[in-house]
Amino acid sequence: MDLGLTDKVVVVTGAARGVGLAAAKLFHAEGARVFSVDRSFDDDYPLANANRDRHRYATVDVSTEAGATSVVRLAREAFGTVDIIVLNAARHSAQSVASLTADELDLTYRTNLLGAAFALREFATALPAGGAVVVVGSTATKSVQKNEFAYRSSKFGLRALTESAAVEFAHADVRVNMVTPGAIQTGFAKYGPGVLERLTDEIPLGRTATPEEVATCIAFVASPACGYMTGSELLVDGGLSMRSLRLGD
């Protein structure tokens, strides 16, 4: 697959594992120069020994304003520019409204929403013509579940950020879109006994996604192939958001 990403400089946040790792690997395989960011990396990080001319990685806490803005600055120092940003860093929150604490809400918002906003603020200081931003959302915004207020509301905020940045960056020919995955077996969300099985039964395609399937959609949306797409949301959820009624064959 040639998506026209050769020599593009791509920043991926939350790149140590799951969808972020799959995206970093795919962009790298497509010939891009990749700057991977996460709070920590495993000793056996798959891209750790990649050629430094084409891949660098840094341990950064994007839940702080300084950390989030440094992501773009560090990538520019390493590669000279940034063409594409994949804003994937996130944390899950499972506190109920009745038990919600200020610390939990603050950390969830700073990690999921404010970190992305501050990274885009820094990106806006030198918008590259033909650039792209992909914000990774969640189908938690498409339904209501218990104990997800902090997480869901932070992801709703990302939708607003996507639309605002799409309008504000359009003059520079920079596109901003959201890719919204459904259930993925990455260990990010913690499921109680039997919950994942019941959820899978509600997915029309009858299975969860792989990180690689979501990464392929991210790379496609970021690529020149989607040059007239901005402010949009691409659902990658196996049809879950359709909420089909199971009334028989």
C-alpha atoms as a PDB file:
ATOM      1  CA  MET A   1       0.000   0.000   0.000  1.00  0.00           C
ATOM      2  CA  ASP A   2       1.444   3.369  -1.058  1.00  0.00           C
ATOM      3  CA  LEU A   3      -0.364   6.201   0.691  1.00  0.00           C
ATOM      4  CA  GLY A   4       2.016   8.917  -0.435  1.00  0.00           C
ATOM      5  CA  LEU A   5       3.552   9.283   3.032  1.00  0.00           C
ATOM      6  CA  THR A   6       7.207   8.865   2.090  1.00  0.00           C
ATOM      7  CA  ASP A   7       9.428  11.314   4.025  1.00  0.00           C
ATOM      8  CA  LYS A   8       6.465  12.914   5.779  1.00  0.00           C
ATOM      9  CA  VAL A   9       7.252  13.695   9.421  1.00  0.00           C
ATOM     10  CA  VAL A  10       4.626  12.114  11.647  1.00  0.00           C
ATOM     11  CA  VAL A  11       4.181  12.577  15.396  1.00  0.00           C
ATOM     12  CA  VAL A  12       2.239   9.842  17.200  1.00  0.00           C
ATOM     13  CA  THR A  13       1.277  10.281  20.842  1.00  0.00           C
ATOM     14  CA  GLY A  14       0.437   7.268  22.989  1.00  0.00           C
ATOM     15  CA  ALA A  15       2.748   5.306  20.695  1.00  0.00           C
ATOM     16  CA  ALA A  16       4.171   2.714  23.086  1.00  0.00           C
ATOM     17  CA  ARG A  17       1.417   0.146  22.673  1.00  0.00           C
ATOM     18  CA  GLY A  18      -1.995  -0.586  21.160  1.00  0.00           C
ATOM     19  CA  VAL A  19      -3.332   1.618  18.381  1.00  0.00           C
ATOM     20  CA  GLY A  20      -0.555   4.172  18.781  1.00  0.00           C
ATOM     21  CA  LEU A  21       2.150   1.557  18.344  1.00  0.00           C
ATOM     22  CA  ALA A  22       0.357   0.065  15.336  1.00  0.00           C
ATOM     23  CA  ALA A  23       0.073   3.526  13.787  1.00  0.00           C
ATOM     24  CA  ALA A  24       3.744   4.353  14.370  1.00  0.00           C
ATOM     25  CA  LYS A  25       4.794   1.053  12.792  1.00  0.00           C
ATOM     26  CA  LEU A  26       2.518   1.558   9.783  1.00  0.00           C
ATOM     27  CA  PHE A  27       3.661   5.128   9.105  1.00  0.00           C
ATOM     28  CA  HIS A  28       7.262   3.926   9.395  1.00  0.00           C
ATOM     29  CA  ALA A  29       6.578   1.074   6.956  1.00  0.00           C
ATOM     30  CA  GLU A  30       5.027   3.597   4.555  1.00  0.00           C
ATOM     31  CA  GLY A  31       8.302   5.516   4.437  1.00  0.00           C
ATOM     32  CA  ALA A  32       7.446   8.323   6.836  1.00  0.00           C
ATOM     33  CA  ARG A  33       9.800   9.688   9.456  1.00  0.00           C
ATOM     34  CA  VAL A  34       8.117   8.997  12.775  1.00  0.00           C
ATOM     35  CA  PHE A  35       8.451  10.651  16.175  1.00  0.00           C
ATOM     36  CA  SER A  36       6.818   8.442  18.807  1.00  0.00           C
ATOM     37  CA  VAL A  37       5.799   9.760  22.208  1.00  0.00           C
ATOM     38  CA  ASP A  38       4.466   8.100  25.350  1.00  0.00           C
ATOM     39  CA  ARG A  39       4.786   8.288  29.124  1.00  0.00           C
ATOM     40  CA  SER A  40       6.891   5.113  29.101  1.00  0.00           C
ATOM     41  CA  PHE A  41       8.220   2.561  26.641  1.00  0.00           C
ATOM     42  CA  ASP A  42       8.848  -1.137  27.200  1.00  0.00           C
ATOM     43  CA  ASP A  43      12.420  -2.391  26.912  1.00  0.00           C
ATOM     44  CA  ASP A  44      11.396  -4.397  23.843  1.00  0.00           C
ATOM     45  CA  TYR A  45       9.684  -1.483  22.085  1.00  0.00           C
ATOM     46  CA  PRO A  46       9.519  -2.721  18.464  1.00  0.00           C
ATOM     47  CA  LEU A  47      10.870   0.494  16.911  1.00  0.00           C
ATOM     48  CA  ALA A  48      13.608   1.076  19.478  1.00  0.00           C
ATOM     49  CA  ASN A  49      16.355  -0.015  17.076  1.00  0.00           C
ATOM     50  CA  ALA A  50      14.961   1.625  13.940  1.00  0.00           C
ATOM     51  CA  ASN A  51      17.253   3.896  11.931  1.00  0.00           C
ATOM     52  CA  ARG A  52      17.403   7.240  13.730  1.00  0.00           C
ATOM     53  CA  ASP A  53      17.067   9.031  10.406  1.00  0.00           C
ATOM     54  CA  ARG A  54      13.551   7.656  10.195  1.00  0.00           C
ATOM     55  CA  HIS A  55      12.412   7.112  13.774  1.00  0.00           C
ATOM     56  CA  ARG A  56      12.928   8.745  17.143  1.00  0.00           C
ATOM     57  CA  TYR A  57      11.016   8.275  20.369  1.00  0.00           C
ATOM     58  CA  ALA A  58      10.770  10.242  23.574  1.00  0.00           C
ATOM     59  CA  THR A  59       9.259   9.761  27.004  1.00  0.00           C
ATOM     60  CA  VAL A  60       6.882  12.681  27.508  1.00  0.00           C
ATOM     61  CA  ASP A  61       3.912  13.257  29.818  1.00  0.00           C
ATOM     62  CA  VAL A  62       1.362  14.976  27.585  1.00  0.00           C
ATOM     63  CA  SER A  63      -0.986  15.561  30.518  1.00  0.00           C
ATOM     64  CA  THR A  64       1.082  18.669  31.335  1.00  0.00           C
ATOM     65  CA  GLU A  65       1.071  21.812  29.223  1.00  0.00           C
ATOM     66  CA  ALA A  66       4.875  21.779  29.011  1.00  0.00           C
ATOM     67  CA  GLY A  67       4.915  18.134  27.974  1.00  0.00           C
ATOM     68  CA  ALA A  68       2.202  18.477  25.355  1.00  0.00           C
ATOM     69  CA  THR A  69       3.823  21.472  23.670  1.00  0.00           C
ATOM     70  CA  SER A  70       7.266  19.848  23.793  1.00  0.00           C
ATOM     71  CA  VAL A  71       6.034  16.978  21.603  1.00  0.00           C
ATOM     72  CA  VAL A  72       5.922  19.185  18.500  1.00  0.00           C
ATOM     73  CA  ARG A  73       9.067  21.103  19.433  1.00  0.00           C
ATOM     74  CA  LEU A  74      11.105  17.926  19.950  1.00  0.00           C
ATOM     75  CA  ALA A  75       9.929  16.451  16.655  1.00  0.00           C
ATOM     76  CA  ARG A  76      10.867  19.637  14.806  1.00  0.00           C
ATOM     77  CA  GLU A  77      14.291  19.583  16.430  1.00  0.00           C
ATOM     78  CA  ALA A  78      14.755  15.963  15.327  1.00  0.00           C
ATOM     79  CA  PHE A  79      13.408  16.179  11.774  1.00  0.00           C
ATOM     80  CA  GLY A  80      13.112  19.869  10.935  1.00  0.00           C
ATOM     81  CA  THR A  81       9.335  19.979  10.557  1.00  0.00           C
ATOM     82  CA  VAL A  82       6.100  18.197  11.435  1.00  0.00           C
ATOM     83  CA  ASP A  83       3.640  17.291   8.666  1.00  0.00           C
ATOM     84  CA  ILE A  84       1.188  15.031  10.497  1.00  0.00           C
ATOM     85  CA  ILE A  85       0.123  14.637  14.107  1.00  0.00           C
ATOM     86  CA  VAL A  86      -1.783  11.636  15.437  1.00  0.00           C
ATOM     87  CA  LEU A  87      -3.274  12.572  18.804  1.00  0.00           C
ATOM     88  CA  ASN A  88      -3.839   9.182  20.368  1.00  0.00           C
ATOM     89  CA  ALA A  89      -2.664   9.547  23.988  1.00  0.00           C
ATOM     90  CA  ALA A  90      -5.483   8.783  26.401  1.00  0.00           C
ATOM     91  CA  ARG A  91      -6.425   7.358  29.769  1.00  0.00           C
ATOM     92  CA  HIS A  92      -9.619   5.564  30.704  1.00  0.00           C
ATOM     93  CA  SER A  93     -11.671   6.577  33.727  1.00  0.00           C
ATOM     94  CA  ALA A  94     -14.246   4.417  35.471  1.00  0.00           C
ATOM     95  CA  GLN A  95     -15.512   6.585  38.319  1.00  0.00           C
ATOM     96  CA  SER A  96     -19.233   7.096  38.747  1.00  0.00           C
ATOM     97  CA  VAL A  97     -20.713  10.572  38.942  1.00  0.00           C
ATOM     98  CA  ALA A  98     -21.456   9.957  42.617  1.00  0.00           C
ATOM     99  CA  SER A  99     -17.837   9.090  43.403  1.00  0.00           C
ATOM    100  CA  LEU A 100     -16.081  11.453  40.992  1.00  0.00           C
ATOM    101  CA  THR A 101     -13.089  13.286  42.400  1.00  0.00           C
ATOM    102  CA  ALA A 102     -11.469  16.499  41.242  1.00  0.00           C
ATOM    103  CA  ASP A 103      -8.160  14.691  40.770  1.00  0.00           C
ATOM    104  CA  GLU A 104      -9.718  12.035  38.532  1.00  0.00           C
ATOM    105  CA  LEU A 105     -11.538  14.556  36.370  1.00  0.00           C
ATOM    106  CA  ASP A 106      -8.495  16.800  36.146  1.00  0.00           C
ATOM    107  CA  LEU A 107      -6.098  14.034  35.111  1.00  0.00           C
ATOM    108  CA  THR A 108      -8.529  12.600  32.562  1.00  0.00           C
ATOM    109  CA  TYR A 109      -9.168  15.986  30.966  1.00  0.00           C
ATOM    110  CA  ARG A 110      -5.493  16.936  30.952  1.00  0.00           C
ATOM    111  CA  THR A 111      -4.463  13.644  29.348  1.00  0.00           C
ATOM    112  CA  ASN A 112      -7.282  13.200  26.849  1.00  0.00           C
ATOM    113  CA  LEU A 113      -8.278  16.742  25.914  1.00  0.00           C
ATOM    114  CA  LEU A 114      -5.952  19.483  27.108  1.00  0.00           C
ATOM    115  CA  GLY A 115      -2.817  17.634  26.018  1.00  0.00           C
ATOM    116  CA  ALA A 116      -4.209  17.398  22.489  1.00  0.00           C
ATOM    117  CA  ALA A 117      -5.241  21.057  22.506  1.00  0.00           C
ATOM    118  CA  PHE A 118      -1.835  22.268  23.674  1.00  0.00           C
ATOM    119  CA  ALA A 119      -0.050  20.090  21.109  1.00  0.00           C
ATOM    120  CA  LEU A 120      -2.198  21.639  18.361  1.00  0.00           C
ATOM    121  CA  ARG A 121      -1.491  25.117  19.708  1.00  0.00           C
ATOM    122  CA  GLU A 122       2.229  24.453  19.210  1.00  0.00           C
ATOM    123  CA  PHE A 123       1.597  22.851  15.803  1.00  0.00           C
ATOM    124  CA  ALA A 124      -0.222  26.024  14.754  1.00  0.00           C
ATOM    125  CA  THR A 125       2.950  28.097  15.128  1.00  0.00           C
ATOM    126  CA  ALA A 126       4.194  26.681  11.811  1.00  0.00           C
ATOM    127  CA  LEU A 127       1.391  24.961   9.920  1.00  0.00           C
ATOM    128  CA  PRO A 128       2.759  22.913   6.989  1.00  0.00           C
ATOM    129  CA  ALA A 129       0.867  23.211   3.695  1.00  0.00           C
ATOM    130  CA  GLY A 130      -0.765  19.866   2.998  1.00  0.00           C
ATOM    131  CA  GLY A 131      -0.416  18.797   6.625  1.00  0.00           C
ATOM    132  CA  ALA A 132      -2.872  16.699   8.565  1.00  0.00           C
ATOM    133  CA  VAL A 133      -4.054  16.035  12.097  1.00  0.00           C
ATOM    134  CA  VAL A 134      -5.804  12.837  13.163  1.00  0.00           C
ATOM    135  CA  VAL A 135      -7.535  12.893  16.540  1.00  0.00           C
ATOM    136  CA  VAL A 136      -8.410   9.485  17.960  1.00  0.00           C
ATOM    137  CA  GLY A 137     -11.883   9.497  19.485  1.00  0.00           C
ATOM    138  CA  SER A 138     -14.029   6.819  21.077  1.00  0.00           C
ATOM    139  CA  THR A 139     -17.434   5.264  20.506  1.00  0.00           C
ATOM    140  CA  ALA A 140     -18.025   5.908  24.205  1.00  0.00           C
ATOM    141  CA  THR A 141     -19.497   9.160  22.844  1.00  0.00           C
ATOM    142  CA  LYS A 142     -22.062   7.198  20.843  1.00  0.00           C
ATOM    143  CA  SER A 143     -23.736   5.485  23.783  1.00  0.00           C
ATOM    144  CA  VAL A 144     -24.151   5.856  27.528  1.00  0.00           C
ATOM    145  CA  GLN A 145     -22.520   3.514  30.006  1.00  0.00           C
ATOM    146  CA  LYS A 146     -22.202   3.716  33.746  1.00  0.00           C
ATOM    147  CA  ASN A 147     -19.039   5.096  35.312  1.00  0.00           C
ATOM    148  CA  GLU A 148     -17.707   6.816  32.195  1.00  0.00           C
ATOM    149  CA  PHE A 149     -18.609  10.493  32.625  1.00  0.00           C
ATOM    150  CA  ALA A 150     -15.016  11.770  32.842  1.00  0.00           C
ATOM    151  CA  TYR A 151     -13.827   9.665  29.915  1.00  0.00           C
ATOM    152  CA  ARG A 152     -16.872  10.299  27.710  1.00  0.00           C
ATOM    153  CA  SER A 153     -16.925  14.046  28.293  1.00  0.00           C
ATOM    154  CA  SER A 154     -13.211  14.335  27.514  1.00  0.00           C
ATOM    155  CA  LYS A 155     -13.779  12.526  24.230  1.00  0.00           C
ATOM    156  CA  PHE A 156     -16.759  14.775  23.412  1.00  0.00           C
ATOM    157  CA  GLY A 157     -14.354  17.667  23.903  1.00  0.00           C
ATOM    158  CA  LEU A 158     -12.003  16.163  21.333  1.00  0.00           C
ATOM    159  CA  ARG A 159     -14.791  16.299  18.771  1.00  0.00           C
ATOM    160  CA  ALA A 160     -15.154  20.040  19.387  1.00  0.00           C
ATOM    161  CA  LEU A 161     -11.378  20.449  19.180  1.00  0.00           C
ATOM    162  CA  THR A 162     -11.325  18.586  15.856  1.00  0.00           C
ATOM    163  CA  GLU A 163     -13.992  20.807  14.327  1.00  0.00           C
ATOM    164  CA  SER A 164     -12.519  24.068  15.628  1.00  0.00           C
ATOM    165  CA  ALA A 165      -8.998  23.231  14.453  1.00  0.00           C
ATOM    166  CA  ALA A 166     -10.337  22.085  11.072  1.00  0.00           C
ATOM    167  CA  VAL A 167     -11.900  25.500  10.505  1.00  0.00           C
ATOM    168  CA  GLU A 168      -8.945  27.443  11.869  1.00  0.00           C
ATOM    169  CA  PHE A 169      -6.235  25.490  10.025  1.00  0.00           C
ATOM    170  CA  ALA A 170      -8.008  25.272   6.659  1.00  0.00           C
ATOM    171  CA  HIS A 171      -6.437  28.505   5.372  1.00  0.00           C
ATOM    172  CA  ALA A 172      -3.037  26.779   5.528  1.00  0.00           C
ATOM    173  CA  ASP A 173      -4.319  23.661   3.708  1.00  0.00           C
ATOM    174  CA  VAL A 174      -4.055  21.602   6.885  1.00  0.00           C
ATOM    175  CA  ARG A 175      -6.782  19.032   7.448  1.00  0.00           C
ATOM    176  CA  VAL A 176      -8.059  17.919  10.859  1.00  0.00           C
ATOM    177  CA  ASN A 177     -10.163  14.787  11.218  1.00  0.00           C
ATOM    178  CA  MET A 178     -11.195  12.274  13.857  1.00  0.00           C
ATOM    179  CA  VAL A 179     -10.936   8.496  13.702  1.00  0.00           C
ATOM    180  CA  THR A 180     -13.269   6.885  16.216  1.00  0.00           C
ATOM    181  CA  PRO A 181     -12.627   3.233  17.028  1.00  0.00           C
ATOM    182  CA  GLY A 182     -14.955   0.922  18.863  1.00  0.00           C
ATOM    183  CA  ALA A 183     -13.952  -2.083  20.951  1.00  0.00           C
ATOM    184  CA  ILE A 184     -10.310  -3.110  20.580  1.00  0.00           C
ATOM    185  CA  GLN A 185      -8.546  -5.762  22.644  1.00  0.00           C
ATOM    186  CA  THR A 186      -5.533  -3.680  23.683  1.00  0.00           C
ATOM    187  CA  GLY A 187      -5.926  -3.732  27.469  1.00  0.00           C
ATOM    188  CA  PHE A 188      -6.766  -0.009  27.484  1.00  0.00           C
ATOM    189  CA  ALA A 189     -10.334  -0.430  28.725  1.00  0.00           C
ATOM    190  CA  LYS A 190     -10.926  -2.840  31.591  1.00  0.00           C
ATOM    191  CA  TYR A 191     -13.935  -5.114  31.141  1.00  0.00           C
ATOM    192  CA  GLY A 192     -15.708  -6.947  33.936  1.00  0.00           C
ATOM    193  CA  PRO A 193     -16.524 -10.662  33.715  1.00  0.00           C
ATOM    194  CA  GLY A 194     -18.562 -11.403  30.606  1.00  0.00           C
ATOM    195  CA  VAL A 195     -18.785  -7.748  29.511  1.00  0.00           C
ATOM    196  CA  LEU A 196     -16.514  -8.055  26.479  1.00  0.00           C
ATOM    197  CA  GLU A 197     -18.418 -11.128  25.330  1.00  0.00           C
ATOM    198  CA  ARG A 198     -21.753  -9.294  25.603  1.00  0.00           C
ATOM    199  CA  LEU A 199     -20.304  -6.263  23.827  1.00  0.00           C
ATOM    200  CA  THR A 200     -18.943  -8.389  21.001  1.00  0.00           C
ATOM    201  CA  ASP A 201     -22.377  -9.928  20.579  1.00  0.00           C
ATOM    202  CA  GLU A 202     -23.738  -6.432  19.893  1.00  0.00           C
ATOM    203  CA  ILE A 203     -21.198  -5.724  17.132  1.00  0.00           C
ATOM    204  CA  PRO A 204     -22.700  -6.501  13.709  1.00  0.00           C
ATOM    205  CA  LEU A 205     -19.353  -7.809  12.422  1.00  0.00           C
ATOM    206  CA  GLY A 206     -19.222 -10.102  15.446  1.00  0.00           C
ATOM    207  CA  ARG A 207     -15.714  -9.292  16.680  1.00  0.00           C
ATOM    208  CA  THR A 208     -13.515  -6.574  18.100  1.00  0.00           C
ATOM    209  CA  ALA A 209     -10.997  -4.657  16.009  1.00  0.00           C
ATOM    210  CA  THR A 210      -7.272  -5.184  15.891  1.00  0.00           C
ATOM    211  CA  PRO A 211      -4.999  -2.188  16.516  1.00  0.00           C
ATOM    212  CA  GLU A 212      -3.663  -2.616  12.988  1.00  0.00           C
ATOM    213  CA  GLU A 213      -7.128  -2.188  11.467  1.00  0.00           C
ATOM    214  CA  VAL A 214      -7.595   1.109  13.273  1.00  0.00           C
ATOM    215  CA  ALA A 215      -4.050   2.224  12.384  1.00  0.00           C
ATOM    216  CA  THR A 216      -4.762   1.617   8.695  1.00  0.00           C
ATOM    217  CA  CYS A 217      -7.712   3.999   8.884  1.00  0.00           C
ATOM    218  CA  ILE A 218      -5.609   6.590  10.703  1.00  0.00           C
ATOM    219  CA  ALA A 219      -2.907   6.466   8.035  1.00  0.00           C
ATOM    220  CA  PHE A 220      -5.484   6.656   5.256  1.00  0.00           C
ATOM    221  CA  VAL A 221      -7.188   9.716   6.741  1.00  0.00           C
ATOM    222  CA  ALA A 222      -3.802  11.395   7.245  1.00  0.00           C
ATOM    223  CA  SER A 223      -2.675  10.662   3.702  1.00  0.00           C
ATOM    224  CA  PRO A 224      -3.081  12.758   0.528  1.00  0.00           C
ATOM    225  CA  ALA A 225      -5.727  10.227  -0.561  1.00  0.00           C
ATOM    226  CA  CYS A 226      -8.117  12.081   1.789  1.00  0.00           C
ATOM    227  CA  GLY A 227      -7.053  15.537   0.637  1.00  0.00           C
ATOM    228  CA  TYR A 228     -10.609  16.934   0.571  1.00  0.00           C
ATOM    229  CA  MET A 229     -11.651  15.570   3.954  1.00  0.00           C
ATOM    230  CA  THR A 230     -11.571  17.825   7.006  1.00  0.00           C
ATOM    231  CA  GLY A 231     -13.667  18.274  10.137  1.00  0.00           C
ATOM    232  CA  SER A 232     -14.980  14.752   9.631  1.00  0.00           C
ATOM    233  CA  GLU A 233     -15.293  11.692  11.825  1.00  0.00           C
ATOM    234  CA  LEU A 234     -14.546   8.179  10.580  1.00  0.00           C
ATOM    235  CA  LEU A 235     -16.159   5.415  12.634  1.00  0.00           C
ATOM    236  CA  VAL A 236     -14.158   2.192  12.881  1.00  0.00           C
ATOM    237  CA  ASP A 237     -16.407   0.144  15.116  1.00  0.00           C
ATOM    238  CA  GLY A 238     -17.647  -2.886  13.201  1.00  0.00           C
ATOM    239  CA  GLY A 239     -21.084  -1.277  12.957  1.00  0.00           C
ATOM    240  CA  LEU A 240     -21.559  -0.999  16.738  1.00  0.00           C
ATOM    241  CA  SER A 241     -22.824   2.580  16.594  1.00  0.00           C
ATOM    242  CA  MET A 242     -25.706   1.551  14.352  1.00  0.00           C
ATOM    243  CA  ARG A 243     -27.223  -0.206  17.366  1.00  0.00           C
ATOM    244  CA  SER A 244     -29.073  -2.717  15.196  1.00  0.00           C
ATOM    245  CA  LEU A 245     -32.194  -4.271  16.705  1.00  0.00           C
ATOM    246  CA  ARG A 246     -31.893  -8.046  16.985  1.00  0.00           C
ATOM    247  CA  LEU A 247     -35.497  -8.977  16.185  1.00  0.00           C
ATOM    248  CA  GLY A 248     -34.807 -12.222  14.384  1.00  0.00           C
ATOM    249  CA  ASP A 249     -33.705 -13.225  10.884  1.00  0.00           C
END
